[in-house]
Amino acid sequence: MNTEKYILETFKKLAAIPSPLGYHEEILPFIQKEIEAMGYSPKLFNRGGLSVVFGEGKHIGVTAHMDEIGLAVRYIKPNGNMSLVSIGGLYAKTINEADCQVVTLDGKKYSGTIRNTKPSVHLTERDEYAAPLDLSNNMELVLDEFVNNKEDVLALGIRPGDYVLIDPKTKILNNGYIKSRFIDDKACVAILLAALKHIKENNISLNKKITAHFSAFEEKGSGGAVGLDYDLEELVALDIGLVG
């Protein structure tokens, strides 16, 4: 296995799969199939996520999380645009003019754009146009559909609480640089998958009991340890973040 190539290709696939906190219907089956193809038998958790346990000896865990920060529909405005609410601490200024999709309860997806409620510099007072972006105040989602009012949006099946899936804009450059949203923590998921693949392909025998743990609940600050065994002695968390 070319490890670097596998990590980059797997990360690109993971980044393309939307997984805001609580929405793991798409990414969990992908990770499960990837692990099963290696020859492991993963254990799935009722709350979402999975793990692989192998080896004997002192029990050590390594974990990475598949969930990402995201958005949901807060309410539908009379003109058919939508107010948004953050899931997991997403900052408004990072998603202005972002492409997105609204996914309904029955799985239908509708394209849209997240934008300032006053997007035109020509039609807006300078102070208002330059005001700090705030999801609850001056940002909204505009659908790429012929809708004119709230009733038109409801007719599509969209409701408050529906997930909003943000385009990750992933690019892997020839020099090895990665430009993408949600590198936290899908890069680490790809790395952990690569480690599992390397161990299996090279028939490596370990003198430790290992749990490779893939959490679906990290971005909200609770639920990240779901599925870990009580006899775990050490846990290494792979994460992309600043410590300070």
Protein backbone atom coordinates (compact mmCIF):
# COMPACT_ATOMS: atom_id res chain seq x y z
CA MET A 1 0.00 0.00 0.00
CA ASN A 2 1.17 3.50 -0.83
CA THR A 3 0.22 4.99 2.54
CA GLU A 4 0.33 8.65 1.54
CA LYS A 5 -1.76 8.02 -1.57
CA TYR A 6 -4.31 6.01 0.41
CA ILE A 7 -4.62 8.71 3.09
CA LEU A 8 -5.13 11.50 0.53
CA GLU A 9 -7.63 9.53 -1.56
CA THR A 10 -9.56 8.39 1.51
CA PHE A 11 -9.64 11.90 2.97
CA LYS A 12 -11.01 13.26 -0.31
CA LYS A 13 -13.79 10.66 -0.23
CA LEU A 14 -14.56 11.38 3.43
CA ALA A 15 -14.63 15.14 2.88
CA ALA A 16 -17.16 14.68 0.09
CA ILE A 17 -19.55 12.86 2.46
CA PRO A 18 -21.57 15.31 4.58
CA SER A 19 -21.60 14.49 8.29
CA PRO A 20 -22.73 17.37 10.50
CA LEU A 21 -23.14 16.33 14.11
CA GLY A 22 -26.01 13.84 14.35
CA TYR A 23 -26.15 13.16 10.60
CA HIS A 24 -24.03 10.05 10.09
CA GLU A 25 -26.33 8.12 7.74
CA GLU A 26 -23.93 8.55 4.83
CA ILE A 27 -20.45 8.52 6.34
CA LEU A 28 -20.90 5.63 8.78
CA PRO A 29 -21.66 3.02 6.07
CA PHE A 30 -18.64 4.23 4.09
CA ILE A 31 -16.26 3.75 7.02
CA GLN A 32 -17.87 0.41 7.90
CA LYS A 33 -17.42 -0.94 4.35
CA GLU A 34 -13.84 0.32 4.21
CA ILE A 35 -12.98 -1.51 7.45
CA GLU A 36 -14.81 -4.70 6.48
CA ALA A 37 -12.96 -4.76 3.14
CA MET A 38 -9.71 -4.88 5.14
CA GLY A 39 -10.89 -8.04 6.92
CA TYR A 40 -12.03 -6.59 10.25
CA SER A 41 -15.42 -7.02 11.94
CA PRO A 42 -16.42 -3.58 13.27
CA LYS A 43 -18.87 -3.09 16.12
CA LEU A 44 -21.57 -0.47 15.46
CA PHE A 45 -23.00 1.76 18.22
CA ASN A 46 -26.69 2.54 18.58
CA ARG A 47 -25.89 6.24 18.87
CA GLY A 48 -23.65 6.21 15.80
CA GLY A 49 -19.98 5.43 15.34
CA LEU A 50 -18.10 2.15 15.38
CA SER A 51 -14.96 0.46 16.66
CA VAL A 52 -12.56 -2.37 15.86
CA VAL A 53 -10.93 -4.34 18.68
CA PHE A 54 -7.97 -6.69 18.14
CA GLY A 55 -4.83 -7.96 19.87
CA GLU A 56 -4.09 -9.04 23.44
CA GLY A 57 -2.49 -7.32 26.42
CA LYS A 58 -2.73 -3.83 27.87
CA HIS A 59 -5.81 -2.16 26.39
CA ILE A 60 -5.07 1.02 24.43
CA GLY A 61 -7.54 3.02 22.37
CA VAL A 62 -7.05 5.36 19.42
CA THR A 63 -10.01 7.53 18.42
CA ALA A 64 -10.93 9.96 15.66
CA HIS A 65 -14.30 11.57 14.97
CA MET A 66 -16.29 11.49 11.75
CA ASP A 67 -18.71 14.30 12.60
CA GLU A 68 -18.23 17.90 11.50
CA ILE A 69 -19.62 21.27 12.51
CA GLY A 70 -22.67 22.27 10.51
CA LEU A 71 -26.02 23.99 10.29
CA ALA A 72 -29.73 23.36 10.45
CA VAL A 73 -32.81 25.27 9.33
CA ARG A 74 -33.98 27.46 12.20
CA TYR A 75 -37.14 28.74 10.52
CA ILE A 76 -38.48 29.59 7.07
CA LYS A 77 -39.05 33.29 6.40
CA PRO A 78 -42.17 34.64 4.67
CA ASN A 79 -40.12 35.29 1.49
CA GLY A 80 -38.91 31.66 1.35
CA ASN A 81 -35.37 32.26 2.59
CA MET A 82 -34.27 30.43 5.71
CA SER A 83 -32.76 31.44 9.02
CA LEU A 84 -30.04 29.08 10.26
CA VAL A 85 -28.73 27.72 13.53
CA SER A 86 -25.21 26.45 14.16
CA ILE A 87 -24.47 22.85 15.09
CA GLY A 88 -21.23 22.52 17.00
CA GLY A 89 -19.91 26.07 17.04
CA LEU A 90 -19.65 27.05 13.38
CA TYR A 91 -18.60 30.69 12.84
CA ALA A 92 -20.72 32.67 10.42
CA LYS A 93 -17.83 34.51 8.75
CA THR A 94 -16.36 31.22 7.50
CA ILE A 95 -19.42 30.28 5.43
CA ASN A 96 -20.54 33.50 3.75
CA GLU A 97 -21.39 32.71 0.11
CA ALA A 98 -20.93 28.97 0.73
CA ASP A 99 -22.69 26.46 -1.51
CA CYS A 100 -24.88 24.07 0.44
CA GLN A 101 -27.72 21.59 0.34
CA VAL A 102 -30.80 21.26 2.52
CA VAL A 103 -31.65 17.62 3.21
CA THR A 104 -35.24 16.82 4.15
CA LEU A 105 -36.45 14.15 6.54
CA ASP A 106 -37.21 11.83 3.61
CA GLY A 107 -33.73 12.33 2.12
CA LYS A 108 -34.41 14.84 -0.66
CA LYS A 109 -31.63 17.39 -1.20
CA TYR A 110 -32.04 20.94 -2.47
CA SER A 111 -29.17 23.21 -3.53
CA GLY A 112 -28.75 26.65 -2.02
CA THR A 113 -26.38 29.43 -0.97
CA ILE A 114 -25.61 30.83 2.47
CA ARG A 115 -25.26 34.61 2.31
CA ASN A 116 -25.55 37.96 3.99
CA THR A 117 -29.14 39.20 4.13
CA LYS A 118 -27.84 42.41 2.53
CA PRO A 119 -25.56 40.96 -0.18
CA SER A 120 -25.38 43.97 -2.53
CA VAL A 121 -22.87 46.72 -1.76
CA HIS A 122 -24.75 48.97 -4.20
CA LEU A 123 -28.09 48.72 -2.39
CA THR A 124 -26.94 48.69 1.22
CA GLU A 125 -25.61 51.39 3.51
CA ARG A 126 -21.88 50.94 4.15
CA ASP A 127 -22.24 50.39 7.91
CA GLU A 128 -24.95 47.80 7.43
CA TYR A 129 -23.03 45.99 4.68
CA ALA A 130 -19.88 45.90 6.82
CA ALA A 131 -21.66 44.71 9.99
CA PRO A 132 -20.21 41.54 11.58
CA LEU A 133 -21.88 38.42 10.25
CA ASP A 134 -24.23 36.64 12.65
CA LEU A 135 -26.32 33.55 11.85
CA SER A 136 -29.22 34.73 13.99
CA ASN A 137 -29.18 38.29 12.67
CA ASN A 138 -27.92 38.96 9.15
CA MET A 139 -27.32 35.65 7.37
CA GLU A 140 -29.71 33.34 5.57
CA LEU A 141 -29.99 30.43 3.16
CA VAL A 142 -31.36 31.12 -0.32
CA LEU A 143 -32.57 28.10 -2.26
CA ASP A 144 -31.65 27.49 -5.89
CA GLU A 145 -35.32 26.81 -6.58
CA PHE A 146 -38.23 28.81 -7.96
CA VAL A 147 -39.75 29.65 -4.58
CA ASN A 148 -41.39 32.95 -3.66
CA ASN A 149 -42.69 32.37 -0.16
CA LYS A 150 -42.74 30.08 2.86
CA GLU A 151 -45.52 27.93 1.40
CA ASP A 152 -43.43 27.15 -1.69
CA VAL A 153 -40.58 25.95 0.50
CA LEU A 154 -42.86 23.83 2.67
CA ALA A 155 -44.24 22.22 -0.50
CA LEU A 156 -40.72 20.91 -1.22
CA GLY A 157 -40.79 19.05 2.08
CA ILE A 158 -38.33 21.36 3.87
CA ARG A 159 -38.99 21.93 7.57
CA PRO A 160 -37.29 23.64 10.52
CA GLY A 161 -34.64 21.29 11.90
CA ASP A 162 -33.55 19.95 8.51
CA TYR A 163 -29.80 19.63 8.14
CA VAL A 164 -27.86 22.04 5.94
CA LEU A 165 -24.88 20.35 4.26
CA ILE A 166 -21.99 22.70 3.45
CA ASP A 167 -19.81 22.18 0.37
CA PRO A 168 -16.32 21.27 1.69
CA LYS A 169 -14.53 22.82 -1.34
CA THR A 170 -11.83 20.15 -1.17
CA LYS A 171 -8.70 20.52 -3.26
CA ILE A 172 -5.54 18.40 -3.04
CA LEU A 173 -2.71 20.26 -4.74
CA ASN A 174 0.22 18.71 -6.59
CA ASN A 175 2.64 19.90 -3.90
CA GLY A 176 0.76 17.95 -1.23
CA TYR A 177 -1.18 20.82 0.30
CA ILE A 178 -4.81 20.20 1.19
CA LYS A 179 -7.43 22.95 0.99
CA SER A 180 -10.73 21.88 2.48
CA ARG A 181 -13.35 22.40 5.11
CA PHE A 182 -13.68 19.68 7.76
CA ILE A 183 -10.06 18.57 7.80
CA ASP A 184 -10.99 18.36 11.49
CA ASP A 185 -11.32 15.50 11.87
CA LYS A 186 -11.65 13.62 8.60
CA ALA A 187 -7.90 13.76 7.99
CA CYS A 188 -7.42 11.82 11.22
CA VAL A 189 -10.13 9.34 10.27
CA ALA A 190 -8.23 8.69 7.03
CA ILE A 191 -4.97 8.26 8.98
CA LEU A 192 -6.55 5.80 11.42
CA LEU A 193 -8.02 3.80 8.52
CA ALA A 194 -4.57 3.74 6.89
CA ALA A 195 -3.05 2.37 10.10
CA LEU A 196 -5.63 -0.42 10.23
CA LYS A 197 -5.01 -1.26 6.60
CA HIS A 198 -1.22 -1.34 7.12
CA ILE A 199 -1.53 -3.66 10.13
CA LYS A 200 -3.81 -6.08 8.28
CA GLU A 201 -1.92 -6.12 4.97
CA ASN A 202 1.42 -6.72 6.68
CA ASN A 203 0.02 -9.23 9.18
CA ILE A 204 1.52 -7.27 12.07
CA SER A 205 1.15 -8.89 15.50
CA LEU A 206 0.74 -6.44 18.37
CA ASN A 207 1.45 -7.09 22.05
CA LYS A 208 -1.39 -4.77 23.05
CA LYS A 209 -5.15 -4.96 22.87
CA ILE A 210 -6.14 -2.15 20.51
CA THR A 211 -9.44 -0.37 20.03
CA ALA A 212 -9.66 1.74 16.88
CA HIS A 213 -12.61 3.98 17.68
CA PHE A 214 -14.54 6.19 15.25
CA SER A 215 -16.83 8.61 17.07
CA ALA A 216 -19.88 10.29 15.54
CA PHE A 217 -20.35 12.77 18.40
CA GLU A 218 -17.43 15.10 19.15
CA GLU A 219 -18.28 18.57 17.90
CA LYS A 220 -20.89 19.28 20.60
CA GLY A 221 -18.62 18.27 23.47
CA SER A 222 -20.49 15.15 24.59
CA GLY A 223 -20.88 11.57 23.43
CA GLY A 224 -17.40 11.20 21.99
CA ALA A 225 -16.57 8.26 24.25
CA VAL A 226 -19.64 6.20 23.32
CA GLY A 227 -18.65 2.58 22.69
CA LEU A 228 -15.34 2.55 24.54
CA ASP A 229 -14.80 -0.43 26.88
CA TYR A 230 -14.37 -0.01 30.63
CA ASP A 231 -11.06 -1.88 30.68
CA LEU A 232 -9.39 0.73 28.50
CA GLU A 233 -6.16 1.91 30.17
CA GLU A 234 -5.02 4.60 27.75
CA LEU A 235 -6.69 6.60 25.00
CA VAL A 236 -5.04 8.62 22.24
CA ALA A 237 -7.37 11.09 20.50
CA LEU A 238 -6.43 12.09 16.96
CA ASP A 239 -7.78 15.57 16.34
CA ILE A 240 -7.09 18.70 14.30
CA GLY A 241 -7.28 21.65 16.66
CA LEU A 242 -5.36 24.33 18.50
CA VAL A 243 -4.48 23.85 22.15
CA GLY A 244 -4.31 26.99 24.24
